[in-house]
Amino acid sequence: MTKPLIGQDTSSSAPATARRHLLKLGVLGATAAAVAKPAFSQVGPNIRWRLASSFPKSLDTIYGGAEVLAKRLSEITGGKFQISVHAAGELMPAFGVVDALQTGSIECAHTASYYFVGKNRAFGFETTLPFGLNQRQQNAWIYYGGGLQLVRDFLRDYNIVNFPGGNTGVQMGGWFKKEIKTLADLKGMKMRIPGIGGEIMSRLGAVPQQIPGGEIYQALEKGTIDGAEWVGPYDDEKLGLYKVASHYYYPGWWESNSMYSFYVNAKAWESLPKDYQAAFAAAAAEANIDMMAEYDFKNPTALRRLVGNGVKLHAYSTEIMKAAQTSAFEFYAEESEKNPAFRKIYEPWLKFRNDILVWHRFAENTYSNFVFNNPIK
C-alpha cells in the first residue's frame, strides 16, 4: 500500500512508505515545475479560484502563506491553475470564510480553525489546543498520526476539505498595560484571545474578547481591552502593540503551536483533475513548512528591537501556568462528555500527545535545556 502526497486524502494508518514523502518535499519544489509544466500546458484546463484570507496584508508572514500557495501552484501547473488572494475584508469579514465556503461563494480560504469554535469546539484541534502540541509535534500528528483524516471527517459536515497552511510555533503570551503576577490579577481583565484559549482564560477570571488582528491596536489604545495576545515578536512589532502596552509575557500556553489552514469548498475540490489536486497538496505542504522557517528567522531580531524600545519581558508565574493547565484538561474532559465530535478527535489526540511527549522529553528537551542554560560567552 502506498501513501498519497502529504495533504491528499489519507486514512489514519501511516505505512513506512509515507516517511519518504516528507523527504521528497524538499526536492519537489525544485523539480515539480520543470517536470509538470509540459503536461499541464498541453492538456490541463485553465482554472481560476478566489481565496479569502482571514488576515490583513500588513501581517505579511501569515498572509504570505496564501501567496506562497498561489505562486507555487501557478509554477507547478505552468500558469494553468491561478488563485487570486484577497485580504480580510476584501471579499468578506475575517471570520466569514467558513460560511462562505459552505455556500460555495468562494473556492478556498486561508484561516485559523480555532476562530470557529463557536460553531463547534472541535474546530480548535487543527490550529491548537492550550497545553497541546508544538509545531513539530502538530505536523507529526497531522501528517502521520491520523490527525488530518480526523479533522477532515469533522469538516465534511461543513462542505470543507482542509490542508495545513503554515505555523507560528509557540507564541508569546500577550501584551498588558500592567504586570500580571498572580491569578488575582486576571480577575475581570478584558483580553483579546480567541478560541479555546479564551475559554480557559475565562475560567481563570479574565473576560476574553475575539477581535481580528487588524483591530487589536485600536482596542488596546482606546482601553476597550486591557491586554491582547497575537503571535510573536515580528508580527506584534508590526502591529505596534508595544506602543500601547509595555509588559510582554511568555509563553503563550494557549498556543503551543498555531497551525493555519487552507480550506477548500468540497465541490470545488472534487471538480479538480487529480493532477491539479496533487499540485495543490504539494504547494500547501510547502507553504506549511515555509512559514515556520520564516518566523524563526524574523523573530529573534524583532525581539531585540522590542526590548530596545523599552518592552519588559515577563514569564507567567508557575501559579498561573499550573492553574491554566489544570483548567484546560478539565475543560477537555467536560467537552468530551457532551460533544461527540470533540471526543472523537480528542481521545486519539491525547494518546498521541502523551506518547510524543515521552520521546521529546529525552533528546529534544535535554539538549534544549542545556544550550539555553549554558550559553557560549
Protein backbone atom coordinates (compact mmCIF):
# COMPACT_ATOMS: atom_id res chain seq x y z
CA MET A 1 0.00 0.00 0.00
CA THR A 2 1.41 3.40 -0.96
CA LYS A 3 0.51 6.69 0.65
CA PRO A 4 -0.52 9.73 -1.43
CA LEU A 5 1.28 13.03 -1.18
CA ILE A 6 1.02 14.80 2.14
CA GLY A 7 -2.22 16.77 2.20
CA GLN A 8 -4.20 14.41 -0.03
CA ASP A 9 -6.93 12.13 1.30
CA THR A 10 -5.47 9.69 3.79
CA SER A 11 -6.51 7.02 6.21
CA SER A 12 -5.40 7.09 9.83
CA SER A 13 -2.69 4.48 9.10
CA ALA A 14 0.87 5.57 8.35
CA PRO A 15 2.78 2.96 6.35
CA ALA A 16 6.54 3.04 6.12
CA THR A 17 6.50 4.46 2.60
CA ALA A 18 4.98 7.67 3.96
CA ARG A 19 8.26 8.63 5.59
CA ARG A 20 9.79 9.22 2.20
CA HIS A 21 7.24 11.85 1.21
CA LEU A 22 8.46 14.48 3.69
CA LEU A 23 11.98 13.99 2.35
CA LYS A 24 10.72 14.42 -1.17
CA LEU A 25 9.10 17.78 -0.39
CA GLY A 26 12.49 19.46 -0.36
CA VAL A 27 13.25 18.44 -3.93
CA LEU A 28 9.65 18.71 -5.13
CA GLY A 29 9.74 22.48 -5.21
CA ALA A 30 12.87 22.49 -7.35
CA THR A 31 11.69 19.85 -9.83
CA ALA A 32 7.89 19.99 -9.98
CA ALA A 33 7.67 23.00 -12.29
CA ALA A 34 10.14 21.56 -14.77
CA VAL A 35 8.59 18.10 -14.75
CA ALA A 36 4.92 19.03 -14.68
CA LYS A 37 4.78 22.16 -16.81
CA PRO A 38 4.69 20.49 -20.26
CA ALA A 39 1.85 18.13 -19.28
CA PHE A 40 -0.24 20.87 -17.66
CA SER A 41 0.46 23.26 -20.52
CA GLN A 42 -0.64 20.77 -23.15
CA VAL A 43 -3.74 19.18 -21.63
CA GLY A 44 -4.68 20.88 -18.38
CA PRO A 45 -7.70 23.19 -18.15
CA ASN A 46 -7.35 26.82 -17.10
CA ILE A 47 -8.69 27.18 -13.55
CA ARG A 48 -9.20 30.42 -11.66
CA TRP A 49 -10.07 30.42 -7.95
CA ARG A 50 -10.52 33.12 -5.35
CA LEU A 51 -9.01 32.71 -1.89
CA ALA A 52 -10.34 34.72 1.04
CA SER A 53 -7.80 35.25 3.81
CA SER A 54 -8.71 35.84 7.44
CA PHE A 55 -5.60 38.03 7.76
CA PRO A 56 -4.63 41.57 6.70
CA LYS A 57 -1.80 42.18 4.24
CA SER A 58 0.15 44.00 6.93
CA LEU A 59 0.75 40.65 8.64
CA ASP A 60 2.92 39.64 5.74
CA THR A 61 4.20 36.30 7.07
CA ILE A 62 0.79 34.82 7.88
CA TYR A 63 -0.96 36.46 4.93
CA GLY A 64 2.04 35.45 2.83
CA GLY A 65 1.26 31.77 3.37
CA ALA A 66 -1.58 32.07 0.87
CA GLU A 67 0.71 33.91 -1.56
CA VAL A 68 3.24 31.07 -1.33
CA LEU A 69 0.47 28.60 -2.16
CA ALA A 70 -0.74 30.64 -5.15
CA LYS A 71 2.75 31.25 -6.53
CA ARG A 72 3.89 27.64 -6.29
CA LEU A 73 0.62 26.31 -7.69
CA SER A 74 0.97 28.58 -10.72
CA GLU A 75 4.59 27.50 -11.22
CA ILE A 76 3.83 23.78 -10.88
CA THR A 77 0.95 23.94 -13.37
CA GLY A 78 2.64 26.23 -15.86
CA GLY A 79 0.16 29.01 -15.09
CA LYS A 80 -2.88 26.81 -15.64
CA PHE A 81 -4.12 26.96 -12.04
CA GLN A 82 -4.32 30.53 -10.75
CA ILE A 83 -5.53 31.60 -7.30
CA SER A 84 -6.15 35.27 -6.51
CA VAL A 85 -5.52 36.04 -2.84
CA HIS A 86 -7.79 38.53 -1.06
CA ALA A 87 -7.05 40.02 2.35
CA ALA A 88 -9.55 40.00 5.20
CA GLY A 89 -12.39 42.38 4.47
CA GLU A 90 -11.96 42.44 0.69
CA LEU A 91 -14.42 39.66 -0.11
CA MET A 92 -15.88 39.15 3.37
CA PRO A 93 -15.07 39.69 7.05
CA ALA A 94 -12.13 37.79 8.53
CA PHE A 95 -14.41 35.34 10.35
CA GLY A 96 -16.87 34.85 7.48
CA VAL A 97 -14.90 32.35 5.44
CA VAL A 98 -16.42 29.11 6.75
CA ASP A 99 -19.95 30.29 5.97
CA ALA A 100 -18.82 31.40 2.50
CA LEU A 101 -17.20 28.04 1.81
CA GLN A 102 -20.31 26.17 2.93
CA THR A 103 -22.43 28.06 0.43
CA GLY A 104 -19.81 27.87 -2.32
CA SER A 105 -19.45 31.62 -2.78
CA ILE A 106 -15.65 31.19 -2.74
CA GLU A 107 -13.49 28.23 -3.66
CA CYS A 108 -10.94 28.43 -0.85
CA ALA A 109 -9.74 30.32 2.21
CA HIS A 110 -6.69 30.73 4.42
CA THR A 111 -7.66 30.90 8.05
CA ALA A 112 -7.21 29.58 11.58
CA SER A 113 -9.65 26.85 12.52
CA TYR A 114 -9.97 27.97 16.13
CA TYR A 115 -11.72 31.16 15.03
CA PHE A 116 -14.78 28.97 14.58
CA VAL A 117 -15.03 27.17 17.91
CA GLY A 118 -18.33 28.98 18.40
CA LYS A 119 -19.75 26.60 15.79
CA ASN A 120 -18.20 23.55 17.41
CA ARG A 121 -15.24 23.39 19.78
CA ALA A 122 -13.79 20.57 17.70
CA PHE A 123 -12.66 23.33 15.31
CA GLY A 124 -9.87 24.01 17.79
CA PHE A 125 -7.82 20.90 17.10
CA GLU A 126 -6.40 21.85 13.73
CA THR A 127 -4.98 25.16 14.93
CA THR A 128 -4.07 24.38 18.53
CA LEU A 129 -5.28 23.45 21.98
CA PRO A 130 -3.95 25.04 25.18
CA PHE A 131 -1.05 22.95 26.52
CA GLY A 132 -1.15 20.89 23.37
CA LEU A 133 1.47 20.05 20.75
CA ASN A 134 4.37 22.13 19.50
CA GLN A 135 4.87 22.79 15.78
CA ARG A 136 6.88 19.65 15.07
CA GLN A 137 4.52 17.51 17.08
CA GLN A 138 1.50 19.03 15.34
CA ASN A 139 2.94 18.21 11.93
CA ALA A 140 3.64 14.65 13.11
CA TRP A 141 0.06 14.27 14.35
CA ILE A 142 -1.49 15.75 11.20
CA TYR A 143 0.70 14.01 8.61
CA TYR A 144 1.38 10.67 10.30
CA GLY A 145 -0.73 10.33 13.44
CA GLY A 146 -4.15 10.29 11.80
CA GLY A 147 -4.94 13.93 12.62
CA LEU A 148 -5.59 15.02 9.04
CA GLN A 149 -8.23 12.36 8.47
CA LEU A 150 -9.89 13.03 11.84
CA VAL A 151 -10.19 16.72 11.05
CA ARG A 152 -11.39 16.03 7.52
CA ASP A 153 -14.07 13.71 8.81
CA PHE A 154 -15.26 16.51 11.08
CA LEU A 155 -15.14 19.19 8.35
CA ARG A 156 -17.13 17.06 5.92
CA ASP A 157 -20.33 18.37 7.50
CA TYR A 158 -19.18 21.90 6.67
CA ASN A 159 -18.51 21.11 3.00
CA ILE A 160 -14.78 21.73 3.52
CA VAL A 161 -11.57 19.87 2.64
CA ASN A 162 -8.60 21.09 4.71
CA PHE A 163 -4.85 21.35 4.22
CA PRO A 164 -2.25 22.53 6.76
CA GLY A 165 -1.16 26.01 5.70
CA GLY A 166 1.56 27.37 7.98
CA ASN A 167 2.55 27.63 11.62
CA THR A 168 3.98 30.19 14.03
CA GLY A 169 5.41 27.78 16.57
CA VAL A 170 4.96 28.54 20.27
CA GLN A 171 3.53 32.01 20.55
CA MET A 172 4.21 34.76 23.06
CA GLY A 173 1.82 35.27 25.96
CA GLY A 174 0.40 38.71 25.31
CA TRP A 175 0.72 42.43 25.94
CA PHE A 176 -0.57 44.13 29.07
CA LYS A 177 -0.59 47.64 30.45
CA LYS A 178 0.21 46.34 33.93
CA GLU A 179 2.02 43.32 35.31
CA ILE A 180 0.16 40.02 35.69
CA LYS A 181 1.79 38.41 38.72
CA THR A 182 -0.93 36.21 40.20
CA LEU A 183 -4.30 34.70 39.31
CA ALA A 184 -5.93 37.60 41.15
CA ASP A 185 -4.52 39.98 38.52
CA LEU A 186 -6.54 38.20 35.83
CA LYS A 187 -9.90 38.76 37.52
CA GLY A 188 -12.14 40.91 35.33
CA MET A 189 -9.35 41.71 32.86
CA LYS A 190 -10.60 42.13 29.29
CA MET A 191 -8.20 40.32 26.98
CA ARG A 192 -8.20 39.73 23.26
CA ILE A 193 -7.77 35.95 22.98
CA PRO A 194 -9.71 33.67 20.62
CA GLY A 195 -10.64 30.02 20.60
CA ILE A 196 -10.41 27.60 23.46
CA GLY A 197 -7.60 29.68 24.95
CA GLY A 198 -10.28 32.26 25.62
CA GLU A 199 -12.40 29.61 27.32
CA ILE A 200 -9.55 28.77 29.70
CA MET A 201 -8.78 32.42 30.40
CA SER A 202 -12.44 32.85 31.30
CA ARG A 203 -12.14 30.04 33.84
CA LEU A 204 -9.19 31.90 35.36
CA GLY A 205 -11.30 35.03 35.75
CA ALA A 206 -10.45 37.03 32.63
CA VAL A 207 -13.02 38.29 30.11
CA PRO A 208 -11.97 37.05 26.63
CA GLN A 209 -12.62 39.15 23.52
CA GLN A 210 -12.40 37.91 19.92
CA ILE A 211 -11.01 40.71 17.75
CA PRO A 212 -9.39 40.42 14.28
CA GLY A 213 -5.66 41.08 14.16
CA GLY A 214 -6.03 44.36 12.31
CA GLU A 215 -8.19 45.83 15.09
CA ILE A 216 -6.12 44.88 18.16
CA TYR A 217 -4.01 48.05 18.35
CA GLN A 218 -7.01 50.38 18.34
CA ALA A 219 -8.78 48.33 21.01
CA LEU A 220 -5.73 48.43 23.28
CA GLU A 221 -5.12 52.09 22.65
CA LYS A 222 -8.71 53.08 23.43
CA GLY A 223 -8.85 50.90 26.53
CA THR A 224 -11.60 48.69 25.10
CA ILE A 225 -9.39 45.81 26.23
CA ASP A 226 -6.73 45.57 28.96
CA GLY A 227 -4.48 43.09 27.23
CA ALA A 228 -4.08 41.18 23.99
CA GLU A 229 -2.21 38.27 22.52
CA TRP A 230 -1.35 38.00 18.87
CA VAL A 231 1.56 35.94 17.58
CA GLY A 232 5.16 36.75 18.44
CA PRO A 233 7.81 39.47 18.21
CA TYR A 234 7.80 40.04 14.44
CA ASP A 235 4.05 40.37 13.97
CA ASP A 236 3.44 42.03 17.32
CA GLU A 237 6.01 44.69 16.45
CA LYS A 238 4.33 45.30 13.09
CA LEU A 239 1.01 45.86 14.85
CA GLY A 240 2.73 48.38 17.12
CA LEU A 241 1.40 46.80 20.30
CA TYR A 242 4.49 47.84 22.29
CA LYS A 243 3.44 51.47 21.87
CA VAL A 244 0.30 50.99 23.96
CA ALA A 245 1.29 48.16 26.35
CA SER A 246 4.83 47.65 27.64
CA HIS A 247 4.57 44.33 29.53
CA TYR A 248 5.20 41.36 27.22
CA TYR A 249 4.55 37.87 28.61
CA TYR A 250 5.63 34.38 27.62
CA PRO A 251 4.89 31.62 26.83
CA GLY A 252 1.54 31.65 25.05
CA TRP A 253 0.43 28.45 26.76
CA TRP A 254 -2.83 28.55 24.79
CA GLU A 255 -0.85 28.32 21.53
CA SER A 256 1.97 25.85 21.88
CA ASN A 257 1.76 25.91 18.11
CA SER A 258 -0.63 27.71 15.79
CA MET A 259 -1.33 25.86 12.58
CA TYR A 260 -3.17 27.75 9.87
CA SER A 261 -5.32 26.05 7.27
CA PHE A 262 -6.22 26.17 3.62
CA TYR A 263 -9.92 25.39 3.46
CA VAL A 264 -11.37 24.32 0.12
CA ASN A 265 -15.03 24.01 -0.82
CA ALA A 266 -15.61 20.26 -1.19
CA LYS A 267 -17.44 20.53 -4.52
CA ALA A 268 -14.71 22.74 -5.97
CA TRP A 269 -12.09 20.26 -4.75
CA GLU A 270 -13.86 17.28 -6.26
CA SER A 271 -14.14 19.07 -9.61
CA LEU A 272 -10.35 19.42 -9.90
CA PRO A 273 -8.44 16.95 -12.08
CA LYS A 274 -6.33 14.58 -9.99
CA ASP A 275 -3.04 16.14 -11.10
CA TYR A 276 -4.32 19.57 -10.05
CA GLN A 277 -5.27 18.14 -6.67
CA ALA A 278 -1.74 16.75 -6.31
CA ALA A 279 -0.29 20.13 -7.27
CA PHE A 280 -2.45 21.91 -4.69
CA ALA A 281 -1.49 19.43 -1.96
CA ALA A 282 2.23 19.86 -2.73
CA ALA A 283 2.02 23.66 -2.79
CA ALA A 284 0.09 23.68 0.51
CA ALA A 285 2.69 21.44 2.17
CA GLU A 286 5.45 23.78 1.04
CA ALA A 287 3.56 26.80 2.41
CA ASN A 288 3.07 24.97 5.70
CA ILE A 289 6.79 24.36 6.16
CA ASP A 290 7.87 27.74 4.77
CA MET A 291 6.00 29.88 7.31
CA MET A 292 7.69 28.38 10.36
CA ALA A 293 11.14 28.86 8.86
CA GLU A 294 10.37 32.49 8.08
CA TYR A 295 9.16 33.20 11.62
CA ASP A 296 12.23 31.55 13.14
CA PHE A 297 14.35 33.86 11.00
CA LYS A 298 12.44 37.07 11.77
CA ASN A 299 11.52 36.74 15.44
CA PRO A 300 14.98 36.99 17.09
CA THR A 301 15.85 40.40 15.63
CA ALA A 302 12.33 41.69 16.24
CA LEU A 303 12.55 40.69 19.92
CA ARG A 304 15.84 42.56 20.30
CA ARG A 305 14.26 45.67 18.78
CA LEU A 306 11.27 45.45 21.11
CA VAL A 307 13.47 45.19 24.19
CA GLY A 308 15.49 48.12 22.85
CA ASN A 309 12.27 50.11 22.74
CA GLY A 310 11.65 49.56 26.44
CA VAL A 311 9.48 46.44 26.35
CA LYS A 312 9.60 44.49 29.63
CA LEU A 313 9.67 40.70 29.28
CA HIS A 314 7.96 38.54 31.89
CA ALA A 315 7.40 34.81 32.28
CA TYR A 316 3.99 33.73 33.51
CA SER A 317 4.17 32.59 37.11
CA THR A 318 4.11 28.90 37.97
CA GLU A 319 0.83 29.57 39.78
CA ILE A 320 -0.82 30.83 36.60
CA MET A 321 0.69 28.09 34.40
CA LYS A 322 -0.44 25.26 36.68
CA ALA A 323 -3.93 26.68 37.12
CA ALA A 324 -4.28 27.15 33.36
CA GLN A 325 -3.13 23.60 32.57
CA THR A 326 -5.49 22.10 35.15
CA SER A 327 -8.39 24.17 33.80
CA ALA A 328 -7.58 23.21 30.23
CA PHE A 329 -7.73 19.46 30.77
CA GLU A 330 -10.82 19.77 32.96
CA PHE A 331 -12.43 21.60 30.06
CA TYR A 332 -11.44 18.89 27.57
CA ALA A 333 -12.93 16.17 29.77
CA GLU A 334 -16.17 18.11 30.18
CA GLU A 335 -16.42 18.88 26.47
CA SER A 336 -15.78 15.25 25.56
CA GLU A 337 -18.72 14.20 27.72
CA LYS A 338 -21.22 16.36 25.85
CA ASN A 339 -19.72 16.75 22.36
CA PRO A 340 -19.20 13.53 20.36
CA ALA A 341 -17.36 15.38 17.57
CA PHE A 342 -14.87 16.75 20.08
CA ARG A 343 -14.43 13.39 21.82
CA LYS A 344 -13.82 11.57 18.51
CA ILE A 345 -10.73 13.72 17.90
CA TYR A 346 -9.67 14.33 21.50
CA GLU A 347 -9.17 10.73 22.58
CA PRO A 348 -6.66 9.77 19.85
CA TRP A 349 -5.10 13.26 20.07
CA LEU A 350 -4.49 12.83 23.80
CA LYS A 351 -2.88 9.42 23.30
CA PHE A 352 -0.63 10.85 20.59
CA ARG A 353 0.30 13.79 22.85
CA ASN A 354 1.23 11.52 25.74
CA ASP A 355 3.34 9.27 23.53
CA ILE A 356 5.27 12.02 21.74
CA LEU A 357 5.97 13.94 24.96
CA VAL A 358 7.76 10.88 26.32
CA TRP A 359 10.08 10.92 23.31
CA HIS A 360 10.66 14.69 23.26
CA ARG A 361 11.36 14.68 26.98
CA PHE A 362 14.67 12.92 26.39
CA ALA A 363 16.81 14.06 23.45
CA GLU A 364 14.98 17.27 22.45
CA ASN A 365 14.24 18.66 25.90
CA THR A 366 17.58 17.69 27.45
CA TYR A 367 19.54 19.27 24.62
CA SER A 368 17.46 22.46 24.61
CA ASN A 369 17.70 22.90 28.36
CA PHE A 370 21.48 22.51 28.25
CA VAL A 371 22.17 25.01 25.48
CA PHE A 372 19.70 27.56 26.90
CA ASN A 373 21.26 27.36 30.35
CA ASN A 374 24.88 27.23 29.16
CA PRO A 375 25.29 29.96 26.54
CA ILE A 376 28.67 30.48 24.87
CA LYS A 377 30.14 33.75 26.12
